[in-house]
């Protein structure tokens, strides 16, 4: 895969993870306003959003490791 394309994918995934993190924080603030924050729909949604963020971060990390591996391949050591 072209390095520029790989880098672009990593950047997009990082942006998506950031957006998911922001959304999770908003949901937590919303849940705190409920009578029973732990049982609120917002709290349940936050848990799912947080799991999705972690999955996106793992994907970004995997691609980043591929990116680093490709960078090492650029150095031919005899």
Protein backbone atom coordinates (compact mmCIF):
# COMPACT_ATOMS: atom_id res chain seq x y z
CA UNK A 1 0.00 0.00 0.00
CA UNK A 2 1.23 3.48 -0.77
CA UNK A 3 2.63 5.24 2.32
CA UNK A 4 0.51 8.33 1.70
CA UNK A 5 -2.68 6.28 1.55
CA UNK A 6 -1.76 4.39 4.71
CA UNK A 7 -0.97 7.63 6.51
CA UNK A 8 -4.28 9.09 5.37
CA UNK A 9 -6.18 6.08 6.75
CA UNK A 10 -4.40 6.41 10.10
CA UNK A 11 -5.27 10.10 10.23
CA UNK A 12 -8.93 9.40 9.44
CA UNK A 13 -9.13 6.69 12.09
CA UNK A 14 -7.53 8.98 14.67
CA UNK A 15 -10.06 11.69 13.85
CA UNK A 16 -12.92 9.18 14.15
CA UNK A 17 -11.59 8.01 17.55
CA UNK A 18 -11.46 11.62 18.72
CA UNK A 19 -15.02 12.21 17.57
CA UNK A 20 -16.17 9.07 19.38
CA UNK A 21 -14.38 10.20 22.55
CA UNK A 22 -16.11 13.58 22.39
CA UNK A 23 -19.47 11.89 21.91
CA UNK A 24 -18.84 9.58 24.86
CA UNK A 25 -18.07 12.57 27.09
CA UNK A 26 -21.26 14.30 26.00
CA UNK A 27 -23.23 11.16 26.84
CA UNK A 28 -21.60 10.95 30.27
CA UNK A 29 -22.57 14.54 31.00
CA UNK A 30 -26.10 13.73 29.88
CA UNK A 31 -26.21 10.63 32.10
CA UNK A 32 -25.14 12.66 35.12
CA UNK A 33 -28.31 14.70 34.77
CA UNK A 34 -30.51 11.62 35.10
CA UNK A 35 -31.95 10.41 38.41
CA UNK A 36 -30.00 7.13 38.16
CA UNK A 37 -26.95 7.85 35.99
CA UNK A 38 -25.81 4.23 35.74
CA UNK A 39 -29.21 3.05 34.49
CA UNK A 40 -29.75 5.88 32.01
CA UNK A 41 -29.89 5.25 28.27
CA UNK A 42 -27.09 7.77 27.83
CA UNK A 43 -24.80 5.70 30.08
CA UNK A 44 -25.53 2.56 28.08
CA UNK A 45 -24.86 4.41 24.83
CA UNK A 46 -21.61 5.80 26.25
CA UNK A 47 -20.36 2.27 26.96
CA UNK A 48 -21.00 1.19 23.37
CA UNK A 49 -19.42 4.36 21.96
CA UNK A 50 -16.37 3.82 24.18
CA UNK A 51 -16.01 0.24 22.94
CA UNK A 52 -16.24 1.50 19.36
CA UNK A 53 -13.58 4.14 20.08
CA UNK A 54 -11.25 1.48 21.45
CA UNK A 55 -11.77 -0.66 18.36
CA UNK A 56 -10.98 2.29 16.09
CA UNK A 57 -7.87 3.05 18.16
CA UNK A 58 -6.75 -0.58 17.79
CA UNK A 59 -7.25 -0.37 14.02
CA UNK A 60 -5.24 2.84 13.89
CA UNK A 61 -2.48 1.23 15.94
CA UNK A 62 -2.36 -1.78 13.63
CA UNK A 63 -2.05 0.40 10.56
CA UNK A 64 0.54 2.58 12.29
CA UNK A 65 2.64 -0.53 12.99
CA UNK A 66 2.38 -1.46 9.32
CA UNK A 67 3.42 2.08 8.44
CA UNK A 68 6.48 1.77 10.71
CA UNK A 69 7.30 -1.66 9.30
CA UNK A 70 7.21 -0.25 5.78
CA UNK A 71 9.50 2.59 6.85
CA UNK A 72 12.03 0.05 8.12
CA UNK A 73 11.89 -1.75 4.78
CA UNK A 74 13.09 1.45 3.13
CA UNK A 75 16.50 0.93 4.77
CA UNK A 76 18.39 -1.80 3.03
CA UNK A 77 21.11 -3.09 5.28
CA UNK A 78 23.71 -5.31 3.66
